[in-house]
């Protein structure tokens, strides 16, 4: 097996120095991309590539504005 990417998650390896074949091997894909089956499997495991939406309370947001001492003076 090729080189592991463990060091890259810690930020102490140069990604530009990793051979492309090792990248494909570690990501388990090819130059042509993923097959439909592999893409569906990864979608089922990891979900869609979108940021999570944070639901914030409107009451807490309002109270956050009034927590400023300048608001108290006004």
PDB file of N, CA and C in Angstrom:
ATOM      1  N   UNK A   1       0.851  -1.191   0.000  1.00  0.00           N
ATOM      2  CA  UNK A   1       0.000   0.000   0.000  1.00  0.00           C
ATOM      3  C   UNK A   1       0.883   1.235   0.000  1.00  0.00           C
ATOM      4  N   UNK A   2       0.360   2.326  -0.515  1.00  0.00           N
ATOM      5  CA  UNK A   2       1.110   3.569  -0.591  1.00  0.00           C
ATOM      6  C   UNK A   2       1.215   4.276   0.739  1.00  0.00           C
ATOM      7  N   UNK A   3       1.691   5.451   0.664  1.00  0.00           N
ATOM      8  CA  UNK A   3       1.902   6.292   1.828  1.00  0.00           C
ATOM      9  C   UNK A   3       0.585   6.688   2.480  1.00  0.00           C
ATOM     10  N   UNK A   4       0.560   6.755   3.797  1.00  0.00           N
ATOM     11  CA  UNK A   4      -0.656   7.123   4.514  1.00  0.00           C
ATOM     12  C   UNK A   4      -0.775   8.642   4.589  1.00  0.00           C
ATOM     13  N   UNK A   5      -2.009   9.125   4.630  1.00  0.00           N
ATOM     14  CA  UNK A   5      -2.248  10.560   4.720  1.00  0.00           C
ATOM     15  C   UNK A   5      -2.418  11.028   6.151  1.00  0.00           C
ATOM     16  N   UNK A   6      -2.153  10.165   7.130  1.00  0.00           N
ATOM     17  CA  UNK A   6      -2.333  10.523   8.530  1.00  0.00           C
ATOM     18  C   UNK A   6      -1.586  11.784   8.911  1.00  0.00           C
ATOM     19  N   UNK A   7      -0.381  11.951   8.397  1.00  0.00           N
ATOM     20  CA  UNK A   7       0.406  13.135   8.748  1.00  0.00           C
ATOM     21  C   UNK A   7      -0.217  14.409   8.185  1.00  0.00           C
ATOM     22  N   UNK A   8      -0.972  14.296   7.091  1.00  0.00           N
ATOM     23  CA  UNK A   8      -1.564  15.474   6.463  1.00  0.00           C
ATOM     24  C   UNK A   8      -2.680  16.060   7.311  1.00  0.00           C
ATOM     25  N   UNK A   9      -3.373  15.208   8.053  1.00  0.00           N
ATOM     26  CA  UNK A   9      -4.434  15.709   8.912  1.00  0.00           C
ATOM     27  C   UNK A   9      -3.859  16.469  10.089  1.00  0.00           C
ATOM     28  N   UNK A  10      -2.612  16.193  10.428  1.00  0.00           N
ATOM     29  CA  UNK A  10      -1.946  16.908  11.513  1.00  0.00           C
ATOM     30  C   UNK A  10      -1.256  18.162  10.995  1.00  0.00           C
ATOM     31  N   UNK A  11      -1.195  18.338   9.693  1.00  0.00           N
ATOM     32  CA  UNK A  11      -0.647  19.550   9.104  1.00  0.00           C
ATOM     33  C   UNK A  11       0.866  19.559   8.947  1.00  0.00           C
ATOM     34  N   UNK A  12       1.515  18.401   9.011  1.00  0.00           N
ATOM     35  CA  UNK A  12       2.970  18.421   8.923  1.00  0.00           C
ATOM     36  C   UNK A  12       3.505  17.608   7.752  1.00  0.00           C
ATOM     37  N   UNK A  13       2.825  17.644   6.615  1.00  0.00           N
ATOM     38  CA  UNK A  13       3.397  17.057   5.402  1.00  0.00           C
ATOM     39  C   UNK A  13       2.988  17.922   4.223  1.00  0.00           C
ATOM     40  N   UNK A  14       3.820  17.927   3.209  1.00  0.00           N
ATOM     41  CA  UNK A  14       3.519  18.714   2.020  1.00  0.00           C
ATOM     42  C   UNK A  14       2.686  17.898   1.052  1.00  0.00           C
ATOM     43  N   UNK A  15       1.431  18.290   0.844  1.00  0.00           N
ATOM     44  CA  UNK A  15       0.555  17.541  -0.050  1.00  0.00           C
ATOM     45  C   UNK A  15       1.075  17.517  -1.477  1.00  0.00           C
ATOM     46  N   UNK A  16       1.827  18.531  -1.838  1.00  0.00           N
ATOM     47  CA  UNK A  16       2.335  18.578  -3.209  1.00  0.00           C
ATOM     48  C   UNK A  16       3.406  17.526  -3.467  1.00  0.00           C
ATOM     49  N   UNK A  17       3.919  16.899  -2.417  1.00  0.00           N
ATOM     50  CA  UNK A  17       4.976  15.892  -2.571  1.00  0.00           C
ATOM     51  C   UNK A  17       4.451  14.463  -2.631  1.00  0.00           C
ATOM     52  N   UNK A  18       3.159  14.258  -2.505  1.00  0.00           N
ATOM     53  CA  UNK A  18       2.580  12.917  -2.529  1.00  0.00           C
ATOM     54  C   UNK A  18       2.322  12.523  -3.982  1.00  0.00           C
ATOM     55  N   UNK A  19       2.834  11.356  -4.394  1.00  0.00           N
ATOM     56  CA  UNK A  19       2.587  10.906  -5.778  1.00  0.00           C
ATOM     57  C   UNK A  19       1.090  10.713  -6.026  1.00  0.00           C
ATOM     58  N   UNK A  20       0.642  11.057  -7.213  1.00  0.00           N
ATOM     59  CA  UNK A  20      -0.776  11.017  -7.549  1.00  0.00           C
ATOM     60  C   UNK A  20      -1.344   9.605  -7.431  1.00  0.00           C
ATOM     61  N   UNK A  21      -0.523   8.598  -7.718  1.00  0.00           N
ATOM     62  CA  UNK A  21      -0.990   7.221  -7.605  1.00  0.00           C
ATOM     63  C   UNK A  21      -1.342   6.893  -6.153  1.00  0.00           C
ATOM     64  N   UNK A  22      -0.555   7.415  -5.201  1.00  0.00           N
ATOM     65  CA  UNK A  22      -0.845   7.197  -3.785  1.00  0.00           C
ATOM     66  C   UNK A  22      -2.124   7.909  -3.357  1.00  0.00           C
ATOM     67  N   UNK A  23      -2.370   9.061  -3.941  1.00  0.00           N
ATOM     68  CA  UNK A  23      -3.600   9.797  -3.635  1.00  0.00           C
ATOM     69  C   UNK A  23      -4.807   8.972  -4.062  1.00  0.00           C
ATOM     70  N   UNK A  24      -4.787   8.471  -5.293  1.00  0.00           N
ATOM     71  CA  UNK A  24      -5.900   7.658  -5.794  1.00  0.00           C
ATOM     72  C   UNK A  24      -6.067   6.387  -4.972  1.00  0.00           C
ATOM     73  N   UNK A  25      -4.955   5.767  -4.587  1.00  0.00           N
ATOM     74  CA  UNK A  25      -5.023   4.539  -3.801  1.00  0.00           C
ATOM     75  C   UNK A  25      -5.637   4.804  -2.433  1.00  0.00           C
ATOM     76  N   UNK A  26      -5.230   5.872  -1.769  1.00  0.00           N
ATOM     77  CA  UNK A  26      -5.755   6.193  -0.447  1.00  0.00           C
ATOM     78  C   UNK A  26      -7.220   6.622  -0.493  1.00  0.00           C
ATOM     79  N   UNK A  27      -7.609   7.293  -1.565  1.00  0.00           N
ATOM     80  CA  UNK A  27      -9.003   7.717  -1.704  1.00  0.00           C
ATOM     81  C   UNK A  27      -9.879   6.634  -2.326  1.00  0.00           C
ATOM     82  N   UNK A  28      -9.266   5.548  -2.739  1.00  0.00           N
ATOM     83  CA  UNK A  28      -9.954   4.429  -3.376  1.00  0.00           C
ATOM     84  C   UNK A  28     -10.780   4.884  -4.575  1.00  0.00           C
ATOM     85  N   UNK A  29     -10.096   5.551  -5.497  1.00  0.00           N
ATOM     86  CA  UNK A  29     -10.737   5.984  -6.738  1.00  0.00           C
ATOM     87  C   UNK A  29      -9.718   5.902  -7.872  1.00  0.00           C
ATOM     88  N   UNK A  30     -10.114   6.290  -9.052  1.00  0.00           N
ATOM     89  CA  UNK A  30      -9.233   6.264 -10.219  1.00  0.00           C
ATOM     90  C   UNK A  30      -9.206   7.649 -10.853  1.00  0.00           C
ATOM     91  N   UNK A  31      -8.395   7.778 -11.886  1.00  0.00           N
ATOM     92  CA  UNK A  31      -8.341   9.053 -12.618  1.00  0.00           C
ATOM     93  C   UNK A  31      -9.682   9.379 -13.265  1.00  0.00           C
ATOM     94  N   UNK A  32     -10.459   8.355 -13.573  1.00  0.00           N
ATOM     95  CA  UNK A  32     -11.763   8.553 -14.208  1.00  0.00           C
ATOM     96  C   UNK A  32     -12.832   8.964 -13.202  1.00  0.00           C
ATOM     97  N   UNK A  33     -12.536   8.854 -11.920  1.00  0.00           N
ATOM     98  CA  UNK A  33     -13.501   9.217 -10.889  1.00  0.00           C
ATOM     99  C   UNK A  33     -14.122   7.989 -10.260  1.00  0.00           C
ATOM    100  N   UNK A  34     -15.221   8.192  -9.575  1.00  0.00           N
ATOM    101  CA  UNK A  34     -15.925   7.107  -8.899  1.00  0.00           C
ATOM    102  C   UNK A  34     -16.961   6.486  -9.828  1.00  0.00           C
ATOM    103  N   UNK A  35     -17.226   5.204  -9.612  1.00  0.00           N
ATOM    104  CA  UNK A  35     -18.335   4.581 -10.318  1.00  0.00           C
ATOM    105  C   UNK A  35     -19.622   5.051  -9.651  1.00  0.00           C
ATOM    106  N   UNK A  36     -20.742   4.863 -10.320  1.00  0.00           N
ATOM    107  CA  UNK A  36     -22.028   5.255  -9.733  1.00  0.00           C
ATOM    108  C   UNK A  36     -22.277   4.525  -8.421  1.00  0.00           C
ATOM    109  N   UNK A  37     -21.924   3.248  -8.374  1.00  0.00           N
ATOM    110  CA  UNK A  37     -22.123   2.453  -7.169  1.00  0.00           C
ATOM    111  C   UNK A  37     -21.266   2.983  -6.019  1.00  0.00           C
ATOM    112  N   UNK A  38     -19.993   3.285  -6.301  1.00  0.00           N
ATOM    113  CA  UNK A  38     -19.109   3.807  -5.268  1.00  0.00           C
ATOM    114  C   UNK A  38     -19.592   5.179  -4.780  1.00  0.00           C
ATOM    115  N   UNK A  39     -20.079   6.004  -5.694  1.00  0.00           N
ATOM    116  CA  UNK A  39     -20.592   7.322  -5.305  1.00  0.00           C
ATOM    117  C   UNK A  39     -21.825   7.188  -4.422  1.00  0.00           C
ATOM    118  N   UNK A  40     -22.718   6.254  -4.757  1.00  0.00           N
ATOM    119  CA  UNK A  40     -23.912   6.040  -3.936  1.00  0.00           C
ATOM    120  C   UNK A  40     -23.543   5.514  -2.555  1.00  0.00           C
ATOM    121  N   UNK A  41     -22.549   4.617  -2.492  1.00  0.00           N
ATOM    122  CA  UNK A  41     -22.103   4.090  -1.195  1.00  0.00           C
ATOM    123  C   UNK A  41     -21.536   5.211  -0.323  1.00  0.00           C
ATOM    124  N   UNK A  42     -20.705   6.068  -0.915  1.00  0.00           N
ATOM    125  CA  UNK A  42     -20.110   7.166  -0.145  1.00  0.00           C
ATOM    126  C   UNK A  42     -21.170   8.190   0.274  1.00  0.00           C
ATOM    127  N   UNK A  43     -22.149   8.400  -0.566  1.00  0.00           N
ATOM    128  CA  UNK A  43     -23.233   9.312  -0.225  1.00  0.00           C
ATOM    129  C   UNK A  43     -24.027   8.763   0.958  1.00  0.00           C
ATOM    130  N   UNK A  44     -24.242   7.443   0.968  1.00  0.00           N
ATOM    131  CA  UNK A  44     -24.964   6.822   2.081  1.00  0.00           C
ATOM    132  C   UNK A  44     -24.154   6.912   3.372  1.00  0.00           C
ATOM    133  N   UNK A  45     -22.840   6.791   3.274  1.00  0.00           N
ATOM    134  CA  UNK A  45     -21.980   6.827   4.470  1.00  0.00           C
ATOM    135  C   UNK A  45     -21.781   8.248   4.963  1.00  0.00           C
ATOM    136  N   UNK A  46     -21.380   9.152   4.076  1.00  0.00           N
ATOM    137  CA  UNK A  46     -20.960  10.495   4.472  1.00  0.00           C
ATOM    138  C   UNK A  46     -22.040  11.555   4.321  1.00  0.00           C
ATOM    139  N   UNK A  47     -23.064  11.293   3.525  1.00  0.00           N
ATOM    140  CA  UNK A  47     -24.113  12.280   3.296  1.00  0.00           C
ATOM    141  C   UNK A  47     -23.695  13.300   2.260  1.00  0.00           C
ATOM    142  N   UNK A  48     -24.549  14.275   2.059  1.00  0.00           N
ATOM    143  CA  UNK A  48     -24.282  15.324   1.069  1.00  0.00           C
ATOM    144  C   UNK A  48     -23.201  16.263   1.576  1.00  0.00           C
ATOM    145  N   UNK A  49     -22.468  16.844   0.660  1.00  0.00           N
ATOM    146  CA  UNK A  49     -21.380  17.753   0.993  1.00  0.00           C
ATOM    147  C   UNK A  49     -21.939  19.171   1.131  1.00  0.00           C
ATOM    148  N   UNK A  50     -22.565  19.423   2.276  1.00  0.00           N
ATOM    149  CA  UNK A  50     -23.101  20.753   2.516  1.00  0.00           C
ATOM    150  C   UNK A  50     -22.944  21.077   3.996  1.00  0.00           C
ATOM    151  N   UNK A  51     -22.780  22.334   4.311  1.00  0.00           N
ATOM    152  CA  UNK A  51     -22.615  22.705   5.728  1.00  0.00           C
ATOM    153  C   UNK A  51     -23.913  22.509   6.502  1.00  0.00           C
ATOM    154  N   UNK A  52     -23.759  22.221   7.771  1.00  0.00           N
ATOM    155  CA  UNK A  52     -24.930  22.066   8.621  1.00  0.00           C
ATOM    156  C   UNK A  52     -25.550  23.429   8.885  1.00  0.00           C
ATOM    157  N   UNK A  53     -26.863  23.455   8.905  1.00  0.00           N
ATOM    158  CA  UNK A  53     -27.559  24.696   9.214  1.00  0.00           C
ATOM    159  C   UNK A  53     -27.780  24.758  10.712  1.00  0.00           C
ATOM    160  N   UNK A  54     -27.343  25.849  11.297  1.00  0.00           N
ATOM    161  CA  UNK A  54     -27.536  26.024  12.725  1.00  0.00           C
ATOM    162  C   UNK A  54     -28.860  26.740  12.950  1.00  0.00           C
ATOM    163  N   UNK A  55     -29.693  26.145  13.797  1.00  0.00           N
ATOM    164  CA  UNK A  55     -30.955  26.779  14.138  1.00  0.00           C
ATOM    165  C   UNK A  55     -30.724  27.582  15.408  1.00  0.00           C
ATOM    166  N   UNK A  56     -30.936  28.884  15.309  1.00  0.00           N
ATOM    167  CA  UNK A  56     -30.753  29.705  16.495  1.00  0.00           C
ATOM    168  C   UNK A  56     -32.086  30.295  16.931  1.00  0.00           C
ATOM    169  N   UNK A  57     -32.239  30.372  18.201  1.00  0.00           N
ATOM    170  CA  UNK A  57     -33.459  30.889  18.788  1.00  0.00           C
ATOM    171  C   UNK A  57     -33.538  32.397  18.554  1.00  0.00           C
ATOM    172  N   UNK A  58     -34.683  32.858  18.105  1.00  0.00           N
ATOM    173  CA  UNK A  58     -34.855  34.300  17.879  1.00  0.00           C
ATOM    174  C   UNK A  58     -34.836  35.052  19.201  1.00  0.00           C
ATOM    175  N   UNK A  59     -35.345  34.421  20.244  1.00  0.00           N
ATOM    176  CA  UNK A  59     -35.316  35.044  21.562  1.00  0.00           C
ATOM    177  C   UNK A  59     -33.881  35.207  22.053  1.00  0.00           C
ATOM    178  N   UNK A  60     -33.066  34.167  21.908  1.00  0.00           N
ATOM    179  CA  UNK A  60     -31.670  34.267  22.339  1.00  0.00           C
ATOM    180  C   UNK A  60     -30.904  35.286  21.498  1.00  0.00           C
ATOM    181  N   UNK A  61     -31.227  35.371  20.227  1.00  0.00           N
ATOM    182  CA  UNK A  61     -30.576  36.358  19.368  1.00  0.00           C
ATOM    183  C   UNK A  61     -30.939  37.768  19.836  1.00  0.00           C
ATOM    184  N   UNK A  62     -32.199  38.003  20.133  1.00  0.00           N
ATOM    185  CA  UNK A  62     -32.638  39.310  20.629  1.00  0.00           C
ATOM    186  C   UNK A  62     -31.960  39.639  21.956  1.00  0.00           C
ATOM    187  N   UNK A  63     -31.934  38.662  22.861  1.00  0.00           N
ATOM    188  CA  UNK A  63     -31.287  38.892  24.150  1.00  0.00           C
ATOM    189  C   UNK A  63     -29.793  39.155  23.990  1.00  0.00           C
ATOM    190  N   UNK A  64     -29.200  38.566  22.977  1.00  0.00           N
ATOM    191  CA  UNK A  64     -27.788  38.820  22.686  1.00  0.00           C
ATOM    192  C   UNK A  64     -27.545  40.276  22.326  1.00  0.00           C
ATOM    193  N   UNK A  65     -28.485  40.897  21.627  1.00  0.00           N
ATOM    194  CA  UNK A  65     -28.351  42.309  21.274  1.00  0.00           C
ATOM    195  C   UNK A  65     -28.504  43.195  22.504  1.00  0.00           C
ATOM    196  N   UNK A  66     -29.356  42.787  23.413  1.00  0.00           N
ATOM    197  CA  UNK A  66     -29.611  43.627  24.585  1.00  0.00           C
ATOM    198  C   UNK A  66     -28.599  43.391  25.697  1.00  0.00           C
ATOM    199  N   UNK A  67     -27.706  42.453  25.542  1.00  0.00           N
ATOM    200  CA  UNK A  67     -26.726  42.154  26.582  1.00  0.00           C
ATOM    201  C   UNK A  67     -25.581  43.164  26.579  1.00  0.00           C
ATOM    202  N   UNK A  68     -25.493  43.969  25.586  1.00  0.00           N
ATOM    203  CA  UNK A  68     -24.445  44.979  25.458  1.00  0.00           C
ATOM    204  C   UNK A  68     -24.715  46.118  26.445  1.00  0.00           C
ATOM    205  N   UNK A  69     -23.734  46.519  27.264  1.00  0.00           N
ATOM    206  CA  UNK A  69     -23.935  47.620  28.216  1.00  0.00           C
ATOM    207  C   UNK A  69     -24.382  48.920  27.548  1.00  0.00           C
ATOM    208  N   UNK A  70     -23.963  49.146  26.318  1.00  0.00           N
ATOM    209  CA  UNK A  70     -24.379  50.350  25.604  1.00  0.00           C
ATOM    210  C   UNK A  70     -25.887  50.334  25.403  1.00  0.00           C
ATOM    211  N   UNK A  71     -26.471  49.161  25.167  1.00  0.00           N
ATOM    212  CA  UNK A  71     -27.922  49.042  25.027  1.00  0.00           C
ATOM    213  C   UNK A  71     -28.637  49.410  26.334  1.00  0.00           C
ATOM    214  N   UNK A  72     -28.028  49.110  27.451  1.00  0.00           N
ATOM    215  CA  UNK A  72     -28.631  49.411  28.739  1.00  0.00           C
ATOM    216  C   UNK A  72     -28.686  50.924  28.966  1.00  0.00           C
ATOM    217  N   UNK A  73     -27.654  51.626  28.498  1.00  0.00           N
ATOM    218  CA  UNK A  73     -27.612  53.075  28.667  1.00  0.00           C
ATOM    219  C   UNK A  73     -28.678  53.736  27.814  1.00  0.00           C
ATOM    220  N   UNK A  74     -28.940  53.199  26.667  1.00  0.00           N
ATOM    221  CA  UNK A  74     -29.917  53.782  25.759  1.00  0.00           C
ATOM    222  C   UNK A  74     -31.291  53.505  26.306  1.00  0.00           C
TER     223      UNK A  74
END
